[in-house]
N, C-alpha and C. Protein backbone atom coordinates (compact mmCIF):
# COMPACT_ATOMS: atom_id res chain seq x y z
N MET A 1 -16.64 -11.96 6.64
CA MET A 1 -16.81 -12.71 5.40
C MET A 1 -16.32 -14.15 5.61
N HIS A 2 -17.09 -15.13 5.11
CA HIS A 2 -16.72 -16.53 5.26
C HIS A 2 -15.74 -16.93 4.17
N GLN A 3 -15.02 -18.04 4.43
CA GLN A 3 -14.02 -18.49 3.49
C GLN A 3 -14.62 -18.73 2.11
N GLY A 4 -15.84 -19.29 2.08
CA GLY A 4 -16.48 -19.53 0.80
C GLY A 4 -16.72 -18.25 0.03
N GLU A 5 -17.08 -17.20 0.73
CA GLU A 5 -17.32 -15.92 0.08
C GLU A 5 -16.02 -15.34 -0.48
N VAL A 6 -14.92 -15.50 0.26
CA VAL A 6 -13.62 -15.05 -0.23
C VAL A 6 -13.27 -15.81 -1.50
N GLY A 7 -13.47 -17.12 -1.47
CA GLY A 7 -13.18 -17.94 -2.64
C GLY A 7 -14.02 -17.53 -3.84
N ASP A 8 -15.29 -17.27 -3.61
CA ASP A 8 -16.18 -16.84 -4.70
C ASP A 8 -15.71 -15.52 -5.28
N TRP A 9 -15.32 -14.60 -4.39
CA TRP A 9 -14.86 -13.28 -4.84
C TRP A 9 -13.59 -13.42 -5.68
N LEU A 10 -12.68 -14.28 -5.24
CA LEU A 10 -11.43 -14.48 -5.99
C LEU A 10 -11.69 -15.14 -7.33
N GLU A 11 -12.68 -16.02 -7.38
CA GLU A 11 -13.04 -16.62 -8.67
C GLU A 11 -13.56 -15.56 -9.63
N ARG A 12 -14.39 -14.67 -9.12
CA ARG A 12 -14.88 -13.57 -9.96
C ARG A 12 -13.74 -12.68 -10.40
N LEU A 13 -12.79 -12.42 -9.49
CA LEU A 13 -11.64 -11.59 -9.83
C LEU A 13 -10.82 -12.22 -10.95
N GLY A 14 -10.70 -13.53 -10.92
CA GLY A 14 -9.90 -14.23 -11.92
C GLY A 14 -10.65 -14.52 -13.21
N SER A 15 -11.94 -14.22 -13.26
CA SER A 15 -12.74 -14.52 -14.45
C SER A 15 -12.57 -13.43 -15.51
N SER A 16 -13.25 -13.59 -16.61
CA SER A 16 -13.22 -12.59 -17.68
C SER A 16 -14.21 -11.46 -17.45
N ALA A 17 -14.93 -11.52 -16.33
CA ALA A 17 -15.88 -10.44 -16.01
C ALA A 17 -15.11 -9.14 -15.76
N PRO A 18 -15.67 -7.99 -16.16
CA PRO A 18 -14.94 -6.73 -15.99
C PRO A 18 -14.76 -6.30 -14.55
N THR A 19 -15.63 -6.79 -13.67
CA THR A 19 -15.49 -6.48 -12.25
C THR A 19 -15.70 -7.75 -11.43
N PRO A 20 -15.04 -7.86 -10.25
CA PRO A 20 -14.10 -6.91 -9.67
C PRO A 20 -12.78 -6.90 -10.43
N GLY A 21 -12.02 -5.82 -10.25
CA GLY A 21 -10.74 -5.69 -10.93
C GLY A 21 -9.68 -5.17 -9.98
N GLY A 22 -8.72 -4.48 -10.54
CA GLY A 22 -7.58 -4.02 -9.75
C GLY A 22 -7.94 -3.08 -8.62
N GLY A 23 -8.93 -2.23 -8.84
CA GLY A 23 -9.33 -1.30 -7.78
C GLY A 23 -9.90 -2.03 -6.57
N ALA A 24 -10.74 -3.02 -6.84
CA ALA A 24 -11.31 -3.80 -5.74
C ALA A 24 -10.24 -4.64 -5.05
N ALA A 25 -9.28 -5.14 -5.83
CA ALA A 25 -8.19 -5.92 -5.24
C ALA A 25 -7.36 -5.03 -4.31
N ALA A 26 -7.13 -3.79 -4.70
CA ALA A 26 -6.40 -2.86 -3.85
C ALA A 26 -7.16 -2.63 -2.54
N ALA A 27 -8.47 -2.51 -2.65
CA ALA A 27 -9.29 -2.31 -1.46
C ALA A 27 -9.22 -3.52 -0.54
N LEU A 28 -9.22 -4.72 -1.12
CA LEU A 28 -9.15 -5.93 -0.30
C LEU A 28 -7.79 -6.02 0.41
N ALA A 29 -6.73 -5.61 -0.26
CA ALA A 29 -5.41 -5.60 0.38
C ALA A 29 -5.39 -4.63 1.56
N ALA A 30 -6.01 -3.47 1.38
CA ALA A 30 -6.08 -2.49 2.47
C ALA A 30 -6.89 -3.05 3.64
N ALA A 31 -7.98 -3.75 3.33
CA ALA A 31 -8.81 -4.35 4.38
C ALA A 31 -8.02 -5.42 5.15
N ALA A 32 -7.26 -6.23 4.42
CA ALA A 32 -6.45 -7.27 5.07
C ALA A 32 -5.38 -6.64 5.96
N ALA A 33 -4.78 -5.56 5.49
CA ALA A 33 -3.77 -4.87 6.29
C ALA A 33 -4.37 -4.34 7.59
N ALA A 34 -5.55 -3.72 7.47
CA ALA A 34 -6.22 -3.20 8.67
C ALA A 34 -6.59 -4.32 9.63
N ALA A 35 -7.03 -5.46 9.08
CA ALA A 35 -7.41 -6.60 9.92
C ALA A 35 -6.20 -7.15 10.68
N LEU A 36 -5.04 -7.15 10.05
CA LEU A 36 -3.84 -7.61 10.74
C LEU A 36 -3.46 -6.68 11.89
N VAL A 37 -3.64 -5.38 11.68
CA VAL A 37 -3.41 -4.43 12.77
C VAL A 37 -4.35 -4.75 13.93
N GLU A 38 -5.61 -5.01 13.61
CA GLU A 38 -6.58 -5.40 14.64
C GLU A 38 -6.13 -6.65 15.39
N MET A 39 -5.64 -7.63 14.65
CA MET A 39 -5.21 -8.88 15.27
C MET A 39 -4.08 -8.63 16.26
N VAL A 40 -3.10 -7.82 15.86
CA VAL A 40 -1.99 -7.51 16.75
C VAL A 40 -2.50 -6.83 18.02
N VAL A 41 -3.44 -5.92 17.84
CA VAL A 41 -4.03 -5.23 19.00
C VAL A 41 -4.74 -6.23 19.91
N ASN A 42 -5.51 -7.13 19.33
CA ASN A 42 -6.26 -8.09 20.13
C ASN A 42 -5.36 -9.07 20.87
N LEU A 43 -4.15 -9.27 20.34
CA LEU A 43 -3.19 -10.15 21.01
C LEU A 43 -2.27 -9.37 21.96
N THR A 44 -2.55 -8.10 22.11
CA THR A 44 -1.77 -7.24 23.01
C THR A 44 -2.61 -6.78 24.19
N GLN A 45 -3.87 -6.44 23.91
CA GLN A 45 -4.75 -5.91 24.96
C GLN A 45 -4.98 -6.93 26.07
N GLY A 46 -5.11 -6.42 27.29
CA GLY A 46 -5.44 -7.26 28.42
C GLY A 46 -4.28 -8.06 28.97
N ARG A 47 -3.07 -7.81 28.48
CA ARG A 47 -1.89 -8.53 28.96
C ARG A 47 -1.05 -7.58 29.82
N ALA A 48 -0.71 -8.07 31.00
CA ALA A 48 -0.03 -7.22 31.98
C ALA A 48 1.26 -6.62 31.45
N ALA A 49 1.96 -7.36 30.62
CA ALA A 49 3.25 -6.89 30.11
C ALA A 49 3.14 -5.63 29.27
N TYR A 50 1.93 -5.39 28.71
CA TYR A 50 1.76 -4.24 27.82
C TYR A 50 0.72 -3.26 28.38
N ALA A 51 0.47 -3.35 29.68
CA ALA A 51 -0.57 -2.53 30.31
C ALA A 51 -0.30 -1.04 30.14
N ALA A 52 0.95 -0.64 30.11
CA ALA A 52 1.29 0.78 29.98
C ALA A 52 0.84 1.35 28.65
N HIS A 53 0.67 0.48 27.65
CA HIS A 53 0.28 0.94 26.31
C HIS A 53 -1.18 0.60 25.98
N GLU A 54 -1.92 0.12 26.97
CA GLU A 54 -3.28 -0.39 26.74
C GLU A 54 -4.17 0.61 26.01
N SER A 55 -4.27 1.83 26.53
CA SER A 55 -5.19 2.81 25.94
C SER A 55 -4.76 3.20 24.53
N HIS A 56 -3.46 3.33 24.33
CA HIS A 56 -2.93 3.70 23.02
C HIS A 56 -3.22 2.59 22.00
N VAL A 57 -2.96 1.37 22.39
CA VAL A 57 -3.16 0.24 21.48
C VAL A 57 -4.64 0.01 21.20
N ARG A 58 -5.47 0.20 22.22
CA ARG A 58 -6.91 0.01 22.02
C ARG A 58 -7.43 0.99 20.96
N LEU A 59 -6.99 2.22 21.02
CA LEU A 59 -7.42 3.22 20.04
C LEU A 59 -6.99 2.82 18.63
N ILE A 60 -5.78 2.28 18.51
CA ILE A 60 -5.31 1.81 17.20
C ILE A 60 -6.24 0.71 16.68
N GLY A 61 -6.64 -0.20 17.57
CA GLY A 61 -7.53 -1.29 17.16
C GLY A 61 -8.88 -0.78 16.70
N GLU A 62 -9.42 0.20 17.40
CA GLU A 62 -10.71 0.76 17.01
C GLU A 62 -10.63 1.43 15.64
N GLN A 63 -9.56 2.17 15.43
CA GLN A 63 -9.38 2.83 14.14
C GLN A 63 -9.19 1.81 13.02
N ALA A 64 -8.44 0.76 13.31
CA ALA A 64 -8.20 -0.27 12.30
C ALA A 64 -9.49 -0.97 11.91
N ALA A 65 -10.37 -1.22 12.88
CA ALA A 65 -11.66 -1.88 12.58
C ALA A 65 -12.50 -1.01 11.64
N THR A 66 -12.50 0.28 11.90
CA THR A 66 -13.25 1.20 11.03
C THR A 66 -12.66 1.22 9.62
N LEU A 67 -11.34 1.23 9.54
CA LEU A 67 -10.69 1.26 8.23
C LEU A 67 -10.90 -0.04 7.47
N ARG A 68 -10.91 -1.16 8.20
CA ARG A 68 -11.16 -2.44 7.53
C ARG A 68 -12.53 -2.45 6.85
N GLN A 69 -13.55 -2.00 7.57
CA GLN A 69 -14.89 -1.98 7.00
C GLN A 69 -14.98 -0.98 5.85
N ARG A 70 -14.31 0.16 6.02
CA ARG A 70 -14.31 1.18 4.97
C ARG A 70 -13.68 0.63 3.69
N ALA A 71 -12.57 -0.07 3.83
CA ALA A 71 -11.89 -0.63 2.66
C ALA A 71 -12.77 -1.65 1.97
N TRP A 72 -13.43 -2.49 2.76
CA TRP A 72 -14.31 -3.50 2.16
C TRP A 72 -15.45 -2.84 1.40
N ASP A 73 -16.04 -1.81 1.97
CA ASP A 73 -17.12 -1.09 1.29
C ASP A 73 -16.62 -0.46 -0.01
N LEU A 74 -15.38 0.01 -0.01
CA LEU A 74 -14.82 0.66 -1.19
C LEU A 74 -14.60 -0.32 -2.33
N ALA A 75 -14.41 -1.59 -2.01
CA ALA A 75 -14.29 -2.59 -3.07
C ALA A 75 -15.57 -2.63 -3.89
N ALA A 76 -16.71 -2.59 -3.22
CA ALA A 76 -17.99 -2.57 -3.91
C ALA A 76 -18.20 -1.25 -4.64
N ASP A 77 -17.78 -0.16 -4.02
CA ASP A 77 -17.91 1.15 -4.66
C ASP A 77 -17.11 1.19 -5.96
N ASP A 78 -15.93 0.58 -5.94
CA ASP A 78 -15.10 0.58 -7.14
C ASP A 78 -15.76 -0.19 -8.27
N GLU A 79 -16.37 -1.32 -7.94
CA GLU A 79 -17.08 -2.09 -8.95
C GLU A 79 -18.21 -1.28 -9.56
N ALA A 80 -18.98 -0.61 -8.70
CA ALA A 80 -20.11 0.18 -9.18
C ALA A 80 -19.64 1.34 -10.05
N ALA A 81 -18.55 1.97 -9.67
CA ALA A 81 -18.04 3.12 -10.42
C ALA A 81 -17.58 2.69 -11.81
N PHE A 82 -16.93 1.53 -11.90
CA PHE A 82 -16.49 1.05 -13.20
C PHE A 82 -17.70 0.72 -14.08
N GLY A 83 -18.73 0.15 -13.46
CA GLY A 83 -19.95 -0.14 -14.20
C GLY A 83 -20.56 1.12 -14.78
N ALA A 84 -20.50 2.22 -14.05
CA ALA A 84 -21.05 3.50 -14.53
C ALA A 84 -20.24 4.03 -15.72
N VAL A 85 -18.92 3.81 -15.68
CA VAL A 85 -18.09 4.23 -16.81
C VAL A 85 -18.46 3.44 -18.06
N MET A 86 -18.61 2.14 -17.90
CA MET A 86 -18.97 1.31 -19.05
C MET A 86 -20.34 1.69 -19.60
N ALA A 87 -21.27 2.02 -18.70
CA ALA A 87 -22.60 2.44 -19.15
C ALA A 87 -22.52 3.75 -19.93
N ALA A 88 -21.65 4.65 -19.49
CA ALA A 88 -21.49 5.93 -20.19
C ALA A 88 -20.94 5.71 -21.59
N TYR A 89 -19.97 4.81 -21.72
CA TYR A 89 -19.43 4.52 -23.04
C TYR A 89 -20.46 3.87 -23.95
N GLY A 90 -21.47 3.25 -23.37
CA GLY A 90 -22.50 2.60 -24.16
C GLY A 90 -23.64 3.49 -24.59
N LEU A 91 -23.59 4.76 -24.22
CA LEU A 91 -24.65 5.70 -24.61
C LEU A 91 -24.64 5.93 -26.12
N PRO A 92 -25.79 6.26 -26.67
CA PRO A 92 -25.87 6.50 -28.13
C PRO A 92 -25.04 7.72 -28.55
N ARG A 93 -24.56 7.68 -29.79
CA ARG A 93 -23.73 8.79 -30.30
C ARG A 93 -23.98 9.02 -31.79
N GLN A 94 -25.24 8.97 -32.15
CA GLN A 94 -25.61 9.15 -33.56
C GLN A 94 -25.67 10.62 -33.96
N THR A 95 -26.13 11.46 -33.06
CA THR A 95 -26.27 12.89 -33.36
C THR A 95 -25.25 13.69 -32.57
N ASP A 96 -25.09 14.96 -32.98
CA ASP A 96 -24.17 15.84 -32.25
C ASP A 96 -24.59 15.98 -30.79
N GLU A 97 -25.88 16.08 -30.58
CA GLU A 97 -26.41 16.22 -29.21
C GLU A 97 -26.10 14.97 -28.39
N GLU A 98 -26.31 13.81 -28.98
CA GLU A 98 -26.02 12.56 -28.28
C GLU A 98 -24.52 12.42 -28.00
N ARG A 99 -23.70 12.82 -28.96
CA ARG A 99 -22.25 12.72 -28.75
C ARG A 99 -21.79 13.64 -27.63
N ALA A 100 -22.37 14.83 -27.56
CA ALA A 100 -22.00 15.77 -26.50
C ALA A 100 -22.44 15.24 -25.14
N ALA A 101 -23.65 14.68 -25.09
CA ALA A 101 -24.16 14.13 -23.84
C ALA A 101 -23.32 12.92 -23.40
N ARG A 102 -22.95 12.11 -24.38
CA ARG A 102 -22.13 10.93 -24.07
C ARG A 102 -20.75 11.36 -23.55
N ALA A 103 -20.13 12.34 -24.17
CA ALA A 103 -18.82 12.81 -23.74
C ALA A 103 -18.88 13.37 -22.32
N ALA A 104 -19.94 14.10 -22.03
CA ALA A 104 -20.09 14.67 -20.68
C ALA A 104 -20.30 13.56 -19.65
N ALA A 105 -21.08 12.53 -20.04
CA ALA A 105 -21.34 11.41 -19.12
C ALA A 105 -20.05 10.63 -18.85
N ILE A 106 -19.25 10.43 -19.90
CA ILE A 106 -17.99 9.71 -19.73
C ILE A 106 -17.05 10.49 -18.82
N GLU A 107 -16.97 11.79 -19.02
CA GLU A 107 -16.11 12.63 -18.18
C GLU A 107 -16.53 12.55 -16.71
N ALA A 108 -17.83 12.66 -16.47
CA ALA A 108 -18.33 12.62 -15.09
C ALA A 108 -18.11 11.25 -14.46
N ALA A 109 -18.37 10.20 -15.23
CA ALA A 109 -18.21 8.84 -14.69
C ALA A 109 -16.74 8.52 -14.44
N THR A 110 -15.86 9.01 -15.31
CA THR A 110 -14.43 8.76 -15.13
C THR A 110 -13.90 9.47 -13.89
N ALA A 111 -14.33 10.71 -13.68
CA ALA A 111 -13.93 11.43 -12.47
C ALA A 111 -14.45 10.71 -11.23
N ALA A 112 -15.69 10.22 -11.31
CA ALA A 112 -16.27 9.50 -10.17
C ALA A 112 -15.54 8.18 -9.93
N ALA A 113 -15.07 7.54 -11.00
CA ALA A 113 -14.37 6.26 -10.87
C ALA A 113 -13.00 6.41 -10.23
N ALA A 114 -12.43 7.61 -10.27
CA ALA A 114 -11.14 7.85 -9.62
C ALA A 114 -11.28 7.94 -8.11
N ARG A 115 -12.49 8.20 -7.64
CA ARG A 115 -12.66 8.49 -6.21
C ARG A 115 -12.60 7.25 -5.30
N PRO A 116 -13.21 6.11 -5.65
CA PRO A 116 -13.05 4.94 -4.77
C PRO A 116 -11.59 4.53 -4.56
N PRO A 117 -10.77 4.40 -5.63
CA PRO A 117 -9.37 4.05 -5.36
C PRO A 117 -8.62 5.17 -4.63
N LEU A 118 -9.03 6.42 -4.82
CA LEU A 118 -8.42 7.51 -4.06
C LEU A 118 -8.71 7.34 -2.57
N ARG A 119 -9.93 6.94 -2.25
CA ARG A 119 -10.28 6.70 -0.85
C ARG A 119 -9.57 5.45 -0.32
N VAL A 120 -9.34 4.46 -1.18
CA VAL A 120 -8.56 3.29 -0.77
C VAL A 120 -7.14 3.73 -0.42
N ALA A 121 -6.57 4.62 -1.22
CA ALA A 121 -5.24 5.14 -0.93
C ALA A 121 -5.22 5.85 0.42
N GLU A 122 -6.28 6.59 0.70
CA GLU A 122 -6.39 7.27 1.99
C GLU A 122 -6.43 6.26 3.14
N VAL A 123 -7.25 5.22 2.99
CA VAL A 123 -7.34 4.18 4.01
C VAL A 123 -5.99 3.51 4.20
N ALA A 124 -5.35 3.15 3.10
CA ALA A 124 -4.06 2.46 3.18
C ALA A 124 -3.01 3.31 3.87
N ALA A 125 -3.01 4.60 3.58
CA ALA A 125 -2.05 5.51 4.22
C ALA A 125 -2.28 5.55 5.73
N LYS A 126 -3.54 5.53 6.14
CA LYS A 126 -3.85 5.54 7.57
C LYS A 126 -3.45 4.22 8.24
N VAL A 127 -3.62 3.12 7.52
CA VAL A 127 -3.22 1.82 8.07
C VAL A 127 -1.70 1.79 8.26
N VAL A 128 -0.95 2.37 7.33
CA VAL A 128 0.50 2.46 7.49
C VAL A 128 0.83 3.19 8.79
N GLU A 129 0.14 4.29 9.02
CA GLU A 129 0.36 5.07 10.25
C GLU A 129 0.10 4.23 11.50
N LEU A 130 -0.99 3.48 11.48
CA LEU A 130 -1.33 2.65 12.64
C LEU A 130 -0.29 1.56 12.85
N ALA A 131 0.13 0.91 11.77
CA ALA A 131 1.13 -0.15 11.89
C ALA A 131 2.44 0.41 12.44
N ALA A 132 2.79 1.61 12.01
CA ALA A 132 4.04 2.23 12.45
C ALA A 132 4.02 2.55 13.94
N ALA A 133 2.83 2.70 14.50
CA ALA A 133 2.71 3.05 15.91
C ALA A 133 2.74 1.84 16.84
N LEU A 134 2.80 0.63 16.28
CA LEU A 134 2.72 -0.58 17.11
C LEU A 134 4.05 -1.12 17.64
N PRO A 135 5.10 -1.19 16.85
CA PRO A 135 6.34 -1.77 17.38
C PRO A 135 6.81 -1.06 18.65
N GLY A 136 7.14 -1.88 19.65
CA GLY A 136 7.55 -1.32 20.94
C GLY A 136 6.40 -1.13 21.89
N ARG A 137 5.17 -1.16 21.37
CA ARG A 137 3.99 -1.01 22.22
C ARG A 137 3.11 -2.25 22.19
N SER A 138 3.37 -3.15 21.27
CA SER A 138 2.49 -4.31 21.07
C SER A 138 3.25 -5.60 21.36
N ASN A 139 2.51 -6.67 21.37
CA ASN A 139 3.05 -8.01 21.66
C ASN A 139 4.13 -8.36 20.63
N PRO A 140 5.36 -8.54 21.06
CA PRO A 140 6.45 -8.83 20.11
C PRO A 140 6.32 -10.19 19.43
N ASN A 141 5.49 -11.06 19.98
CA ASN A 141 5.29 -12.38 19.36
C ASN A 141 4.57 -12.29 18.02
N VAL A 142 3.91 -11.15 17.77
CA VAL A 142 3.22 -10.96 16.50
C VAL A 142 3.81 -9.76 15.75
N LEU A 143 5.08 -9.49 16.00
CA LEU A 143 5.75 -8.39 15.30
C LEU A 143 5.76 -8.62 13.80
N SER A 144 5.90 -9.87 13.38
CA SER A 144 5.91 -10.16 11.95
C SER A 144 4.60 -9.73 11.30
N ASP A 145 3.50 -9.84 12.04
CA ASP A 145 2.20 -9.45 11.49
C ASP A 145 2.10 -7.93 11.32
N VAL A 146 2.79 -7.20 12.18
CA VAL A 146 2.87 -5.75 12.00
C VAL A 146 3.57 -5.44 10.68
N GLY A 147 4.67 -6.17 10.42
CA GLY A 147 5.39 -5.98 9.17
C GLY A 147 4.56 -6.33 7.96
N VAL A 148 3.80 -7.41 8.05
CA VAL A 148 2.95 -7.81 6.93
C VAL A 148 1.83 -6.77 6.73
N ALA A 149 1.27 -6.26 7.82
CA ALA A 149 0.25 -5.23 7.71
C ALA A 149 0.79 -4.01 6.98
N ALA A 150 2.00 -3.58 7.35
CA ALA A 150 2.61 -2.42 6.70
C ALA A 150 2.89 -2.70 5.23
N SER A 151 3.39 -3.91 4.94
CA SER A 151 3.70 -4.28 3.56
C SER A 151 2.43 -4.31 2.70
N LEU A 152 1.38 -4.92 3.23
CA LEU A 152 0.11 -4.96 2.50
C LEU A 152 -0.47 -3.56 2.29
N ALA A 153 -0.34 -2.72 3.31
CA ALA A 153 -0.87 -1.36 3.21
C ALA A 153 -0.13 -0.58 2.13
N VAL A 154 1.19 -0.74 2.05
CA VAL A 154 1.96 -0.06 1.00
C VAL A 154 1.54 -0.58 -0.37
N SER A 155 1.37 -1.89 -0.47
CA SER A 155 0.92 -2.48 -1.73
C SER A 155 -0.45 -1.95 -2.13
N ALA A 156 -1.36 -1.86 -1.15
CA ALA A 156 -2.70 -1.32 -1.41
C ALA A 156 -2.61 0.13 -1.86
N LEU A 157 -1.74 0.89 -1.21
CA LEU A 157 -1.57 2.30 -1.55
C LEU A 157 -1.09 2.46 -2.99
N GLU A 158 -0.08 1.71 -3.36
CA GLU A 158 0.47 1.82 -4.71
C GLU A 158 -0.50 1.27 -5.75
N SER A 159 -1.20 0.19 -5.40
CA SER A 159 -2.19 -0.39 -6.32
C SER A 159 -3.35 0.57 -6.53
N ALA A 160 -3.79 1.21 -5.46
CA ALA A 160 -4.86 2.20 -5.58
C ALA A 160 -4.42 3.36 -6.45
N ALA A 161 -3.15 3.77 -6.29
CA ALA A 161 -2.64 4.89 -7.08
C ALA A 161 -2.71 4.59 -8.58
N ILE A 162 -2.39 3.35 -8.96
CA ILE A 162 -2.47 2.96 -10.36
C ILE A 162 -3.90 3.15 -10.88
N ASN A 163 -4.86 2.77 -10.06
CA ASN A 163 -6.26 2.85 -10.48
C ASN A 163 -6.79 4.28 -10.49
N VAL A 164 -6.26 5.12 -9.62
CA VAL A 164 -6.60 6.55 -9.70
C VAL A 164 -6.02 7.12 -10.99
N GLU A 165 -4.76 6.83 -11.23
CA GLU A 165 -4.05 7.43 -12.37
C GLU A 165 -4.63 7.02 -13.71
N VAL A 166 -5.09 5.79 -13.83
CA VAL A 166 -5.65 5.36 -15.11
C VAL A 166 -6.93 6.14 -15.42
N ASN A 167 -7.64 6.53 -14.37
CA ASN A 167 -8.83 7.37 -14.58
C ASN A 167 -8.45 8.82 -14.84
N LEU A 168 -7.45 9.32 -14.12
CA LEU A 168 -7.02 10.70 -14.35
C LEU A 168 -6.55 10.90 -15.79
N ALA A 169 -5.93 9.87 -16.35
CA ALA A 169 -5.42 9.97 -17.72
C ALA A 169 -6.55 10.19 -18.73
N GLY A 170 -7.76 9.80 -18.36
CA GLY A 170 -8.89 9.96 -19.28
C GLY A 170 -9.69 11.23 -19.08
N LEU A 171 -9.29 12.05 -18.11
CA LEU A 171 -10.03 13.28 -17.82
C LEU A 171 -9.54 14.45 -18.68
N HIS A 172 -10.48 15.31 -19.04
CA HIS A 172 -10.14 16.51 -19.81
C HIS A 172 -10.17 17.76 -18.95
N ASP A 173 -10.84 17.70 -17.81
CA ASP A 173 -10.94 18.84 -16.90
C ASP A 173 -9.66 18.93 -16.07
N ASP A 174 -8.82 19.91 -16.40
CA ASP A 174 -7.54 20.04 -15.69
C ASP A 174 -7.72 20.30 -14.20
N GLY A 175 -8.74 21.08 -13.85
CA GLY A 175 -8.97 21.41 -12.45
C GLY A 175 -9.29 20.18 -11.62
N VAL A 176 -10.19 19.34 -12.11
CA VAL A 176 -10.56 18.11 -11.41
C VAL A 176 -9.37 17.17 -11.34
N ARG A 177 -8.69 17.01 -12.48
CA ARG A 177 -7.54 16.11 -12.52
C ARG A 177 -6.44 16.55 -11.55
N ASP A 178 -6.15 17.84 -11.53
CA ASP A 178 -5.08 18.34 -10.65
C ASP A 178 -5.44 18.20 -9.18
N GLU A 179 -6.71 18.41 -8.84
CA GLU A 179 -7.13 18.29 -7.44
C GLU A 179 -7.03 16.84 -6.97
N LEU A 180 -7.48 15.90 -7.80
CA LEU A 180 -7.39 14.49 -7.43
C LEU A 180 -5.93 14.04 -7.35
N ARG A 181 -5.10 14.54 -8.27
CA ARG A 181 -3.68 14.21 -8.26
C ARG A 181 -3.00 14.71 -6.99
N LYS A 182 -3.38 15.91 -6.59
CA LYS A 182 -2.80 16.50 -5.37
C LYS A 182 -3.15 15.65 -4.14
N GLN A 183 -4.41 15.23 -4.06
CA GLN A 183 -4.81 14.38 -2.93
C GLN A 183 -4.05 13.06 -2.94
N LEU A 184 -3.93 12.45 -4.11
CA LEU A 184 -3.24 11.17 -4.21
C LEU A 184 -1.78 11.32 -3.79
N ASP A 185 -1.12 12.36 -4.26
CA ASP A 185 0.29 12.56 -3.91
C ASP A 185 0.47 12.69 -2.40
N GLY A 186 -0.50 13.30 -1.73
CA GLY A 186 -0.42 13.41 -0.28
C GLY A 186 -0.45 12.06 0.40
N TYR A 187 -1.29 11.16 -0.08
CA TYR A 187 -1.37 9.81 0.51
C TYR A 187 -0.12 8.99 0.19
N LEU A 188 0.43 9.18 -1.00
CA LEU A 188 1.58 8.39 -1.42
C LEU A 188 2.82 8.67 -0.57
N THR A 189 2.86 9.80 0.08
CA THR A 189 4.01 10.09 0.94
C THR A 189 4.14 9.08 2.08
N MET A 190 3.04 8.41 2.42
CA MET A 190 3.08 7.43 3.51
C MET A 190 3.73 6.11 3.09
N GLY A 191 3.95 5.94 1.80
CA GLY A 191 4.57 4.71 1.33
C GLY A 191 5.96 4.52 1.91
N GLU A 192 6.72 5.60 2.02
CA GLU A 192 8.08 5.49 2.56
C GLU A 192 8.06 5.06 4.02
N LEU A 193 7.12 5.60 4.79
CA LEU A 193 6.99 5.17 6.18
C LEU A 193 6.68 3.68 6.26
N GLY A 194 5.78 3.22 5.42
CA GLY A 194 5.43 1.80 5.41
C GLY A 194 6.63 0.93 5.10
N ARG A 195 7.44 1.34 4.13
CA ARG A 195 8.63 0.56 3.79
C ARG A 195 9.64 0.56 4.94
N ARG A 196 9.71 1.67 5.67
CA ARG A 196 10.62 1.72 6.82
C ARG A 196 10.14 0.77 7.93
N VAL A 197 8.82 0.69 8.12
CA VAL A 197 8.28 -0.24 9.12
C VAL A 197 8.64 -1.67 8.74
N VAL A 198 8.47 -2.01 7.47
CA VAL A 198 8.81 -3.36 7.00
C VAL A 198 10.29 -3.64 7.25
N ALA A 199 11.15 -2.70 6.88
CA ALA A 199 12.59 -2.89 7.06
C ALA A 199 12.95 -3.04 8.54
N ASP A 200 12.30 -2.24 9.38
CA ASP A 200 12.57 -2.31 10.82
C ASP A 200 12.14 -3.65 11.39
N VAL A 201 10.96 -4.11 11.00
CA VAL A 201 10.47 -5.40 11.49
C VAL A 201 11.41 -6.52 11.05
N ARG A 202 11.82 -6.49 9.80
CA ARG A 202 12.72 -7.55 9.30
C ARG A 202 14.06 -7.51 10.03
N ALA A 203 14.54 -6.32 10.31
CA ALA A 203 15.80 -6.19 11.04
C ALA A 203 15.69 -6.76 12.45
N ARG A 204 14.55 -6.50 13.10
CA ARG A 204 14.34 -7.03 14.45
C ARG A 204 14.24 -8.55 14.43
N ILE A 205 13.54 -9.06 13.45
CA ILE A 205 13.37 -10.52 13.35
C ILE A 205 14.70 -11.21 13.10
N ASN A 206 15.51 -10.60 12.25
CA ASN A 206 16.78 -11.22 11.87
C ASN A 206 17.92 -10.90 12.82
N GLY A 207 17.59 -10.10 13.87
CA GLY A 207 18.57 -9.83 14.91
C GLY A 207 19.70 -8.96 14.48
């Protein structure tokens, strides 16, 4: 993405338009975190001092590239899902039949809208894992970027959780809500690891 496109996207984010919103912002944070992991890998590979970790670090870079693209795609998915929710709320509700159809459409669209931020949480949790695997194996000159990657990934994880939860709050199907909640809770466990990576990086920097 070019700088102009980033600027345009941020202008849309700051506008009164309903999308992009918090879910897409969480996805962008996850994408930035993954990109920083890639950068650290690219500044480590091919250097004799880190040759012993070459294959390990290369794999981290490949995974980070996939996660970066996945997160970016999820930003668009989140926008589309919110649009579907708004369309469902706009359905006619003059008759009992229309009201029932509208309620069913809202329920389905709300459940679907919880899934993009849930996948963002999954991506962010994986980026935390990758960042945690770099210190001691990667170029120490970019250790701060490992810390920023972990910090951004934790922020993306928690931001995504907010967007999952706001949709779960609107669901009436206990089974669907509980299953999505269970998945989210599994990803949120990685937040503590991310915070430990940040603390470790800061401790190393500050000696």
